[in-house]
Amino acid sequence: MSTEDGERSGRPKYVVTDENIKTIHKMIDDARKLKLNAIANTLNISIERVHHIIHEYLGMTKLCAKWVQSELTFYQKQRRVDDSEQCLKMIKRNEPEFLRRYVTIDETWLYHFTPKSNRQSSKWTTYDEPAPKHGKTQQS
């Protein structure tokens, strides 16, 4: 009978290795929205150890995207200008008829998709990186 640890199946005894640190860093660089469970299952190590490596060795944290009132792309801004110019041309052609038919709306942009929740939009970032941003959208 021996008092030494014998070979066993399952998770490795020591998981905070240079190889695992590099592998986790590469996985996060490739997919910033990766979850701890996915990393732990891929490397066959505990979620707690993955969390420890990410925070202590890689100096990263997972931040939710910050809501901004309206973040329009260049295309969306240009579309607003084009639509406004088109409306002005229509008004000049036949103002009474145009005003009778014209429907006013507010500044809300509607999208045909369900927006992501805070948890879905969170990403791994280093401590010195700013929080990611995305525009506030409404479910359509």
Protein backbone atom coordinates (compact mmCIF):
# COMPACT_ATOMS: atom_id res chain seq x y z
CA MET A 1 0.00 0.00 0.00
CA SER A 2 1.34 3.45 -0.99
CA THR A 3 0.62 6.89 0.41
CA GLU A 4 1.46 8.56 -2.91
CA ASP A 5 -1.26 9.83 -5.25
CA GLY A 6 -1.87 7.32 -7.99
CA GLU A 7 -2.97 7.95 -11.55
CA ARG A 8 -6.63 8.81 -11.78
CA SER A 9 -9.12 9.76 -14.44
CA GLY A 10 -11.00 13.06 -14.52
CA ARG A 11 -9.79 16.60 -14.14
CA PRO A 12 -6.06 17.21 -13.81
CA LYS A 13 -4.63 17.98 -10.36
CA TYR A 14 -2.88 21.21 -11.39
CA VAL A 15 -4.63 23.33 -13.99
CA VAL A 16 -3.04 26.76 -13.65
CA THR A 17 -0.33 26.06 -16.19
CA ASP A 18 1.23 28.29 -18.84
CA GLU A 19 -0.40 26.12 -21.50
CA ASN A 20 -3.90 26.56 -20.03
CA ILE A 21 -3.38 30.30 -19.53
CA LYS A 22 -2.33 30.72 -23.18
CA THR A 23 -5.19 28.53 -24.40
CA ILE A 24 -7.80 30.48 -22.42
CA HIS A 25 -6.35 33.79 -23.64
CA LYS A 26 -6.53 32.60 -27.26
CA MET A 27 -10.10 31.33 -26.81
CA ILE A 28 -11.21 34.70 -25.39
CA ASP A 29 -9.40 36.64 -28.13
CA ASP A 30 -11.18 34.54 -30.76
CA ALA A 31 -14.63 34.91 -29.16
CA ARG A 32 -15.07 37.76 -26.65
CA LYS A 33 -18.57 36.60 -25.67
CA LEU A 34 -17.42 33.13 -24.62
CA LYS A 35 -18.87 31.85 -21.35
CA LEU A 36 -16.96 30.32 -18.45
CA ASN A 37 -18.87 27.04 -18.86
CA ALA A 38 -17.74 26.68 -22.47
CA ILE A 39 -14.09 27.29 -21.59
CA ALA A 40 -14.23 24.93 -18.60
CA ASN A 41 -15.87 22.15 -20.62
CA THR A 42 -13.43 22.53 -23.51
CA LEU A 43 -10.36 22.33 -21.26
CA ASN A 44 -11.92 19.89 -18.77
CA ILE A 45 -11.16 22.13 -15.78
CA SER A 46 -13.44 23.69 -13.17
CA ILE A 47 -15.31 26.94 -13.75
CA GLU A 48 -13.70 28.34 -10.59
CA ARG A 49 -10.19 27.74 -11.99
CA VAL A 50 -11.12 29.28 -15.34
CA HIS A 51 -12.49 32.32 -13.48
CA HIS A 52 -9.27 32.52 -11.43
CA ILE A 53 -7.03 32.34 -14.53
CA ILE A 54 -9.04 34.98 -16.40
CA HIS A 55 -9.13 37.47 -13.53
CA GLU A 56 -5.77 36.89 -11.82
CA TYR A 57 -3.45 35.85 -14.66
CA LEU A 58 -5.01 37.54 -17.69
CA GLY A 59 -6.33 40.63 -15.88
CA MET A 60 -9.70 40.49 -17.63
CA THR A 61 -13.28 41.03 -16.56
CA LYS A 62 -16.62 40.56 -18.30
CA LEU A 63 -18.53 43.80 -18.84
CA CYS A 64 -22.05 44.34 -20.07
CA ALA A 65 -22.42 46.72 -22.96
CA LYS A 66 -23.40 50.23 -21.91
CA TRP A 67 -26.75 51.46 -23.20
CA VAL A 68 -26.58 54.62 -25.26
CA GLN A 69 -29.68 56.50 -26.34
CA SER A 70 -29.20 56.15 -30.05
CA GLU A 71 -26.12 54.95 -31.87
CA LEU A 72 -26.75 55.35 -35.58
CA THR A 73 -24.50 54.02 -38.30
CA PHE A 74 -23.36 56.25 -41.16
CA TYR A 75 -25.90 54.52 -43.41
CA GLN A 76 -28.76 55.26 -40.98
CA LYS A 77 -27.76 58.92 -40.69
CA GLN A 78 -27.56 59.24 -44.47
CA ARG A 79 -30.95 57.57 -44.80
CA ARG A 80 -32.48 60.17 -42.48
CA VAL A 81 -31.04 62.98 -44.61
CA ASP A 82 -32.27 61.35 -47.83
CA ASP A 83 -35.77 60.78 -46.40
CA SER A 84 -35.97 64.37 -45.18
CA GLU A 85 -34.90 65.73 -48.58
CA GLN A 86 -37.47 63.53 -50.30
CA CYS A 87 -40.23 64.81 -47.98
CA LEU A 88 -39.25 68.42 -48.69
CA LYS A 89 -39.48 67.77 -52.44
CA MET A 90 -42.93 66.21 -52.02
CA ILE A 91 -44.10 69.21 -49.98
CA LYS A 92 -42.94 71.63 -52.68
CA ARG A 93 -44.83 69.69 -55.38
CA ASN A 94 -48.26 69.66 -53.73
CA GLU A 95 -48.30 70.99 -50.18
CA PRO A 96 -52.04 70.67 -49.34
CA GLU A 97 -52.28 67.06 -50.54
CA PHE A 98 -48.99 66.12 -48.90
CA LEU A 99 -50.01 67.52 -45.51
CA ARG A 100 -53.33 65.69 -45.72
CA ARG A 101 -51.63 62.33 -46.24
CA TYR A 102 -48.45 62.74 -44.22
CA VAL A 103 -48.15 60.71 -41.01
CA THR A 104 -45.78 62.00 -38.36
CA ILE A 105 -43.66 59.75 -36.18
CA ASP A 106 -41.15 60.21 -33.41
CA GLU A 107 -37.40 59.57 -33.53
CA THR A 108 -37.70 55.85 -32.73
CA TRP A 109 -36.06 53.41 -35.11
CA LEU A 110 -37.79 50.06 -35.22
CA TYR A 111 -35.90 46.90 -36.05
CA HIS A 112 -37.26 43.53 -37.04
CA PHE A 113 -35.44 41.53 -34.38
CA THR A 114 -35.41 40.98 -30.65
CA PRO A 115 -32.63 43.04 -29.02
CA LYS A 116 -29.99 41.35 -26.89
CA SER A 117 -30.21 41.41 -23.12
CA ASN A 118 -27.35 42.78 -21.00
CA ARG A 119 -26.11 39.28 -20.33
CA GLN A 120 -26.11 38.40 -24.04
CA SER A 121 -24.19 41.55 -24.94
CA SER A 122 -21.46 41.18 -22.29
CA LYS A 123 -17.86 40.67 -23.44
CA TRP A 124 -14.52 39.86 -21.85
CA THR A 125 -12.33 42.97 -21.65
CA THR A 126 -9.04 43.85 -20.01
CA TYR A 127 -9.23 46.16 -17.02
CA ASP A 128 -8.01 49.19 -19.01
CA GLU A 129 -10.49 48.78 -21.91
CA PRO A 130 -13.69 50.85 -21.91
CA ALA A 131 -17.04 49.12 -21.61
CA PRO A 132 -18.56 48.12 -24.95
CA LYS A 133 -21.52 50.19 -26.20
CA HIS A 134 -24.62 49.46 -28.19
CA GLY A 135 -27.66 51.50 -29.10
CA LYS A 136 -30.90 51.11 -27.25
CA THR A 137 -33.39 49.30 -29.44
CA GLN A 138 -36.92 48.18 -28.89
CA GLN A 139 -38.38 44.80 -29.65
CA SER A 140 -40.23 44.80 -32.95
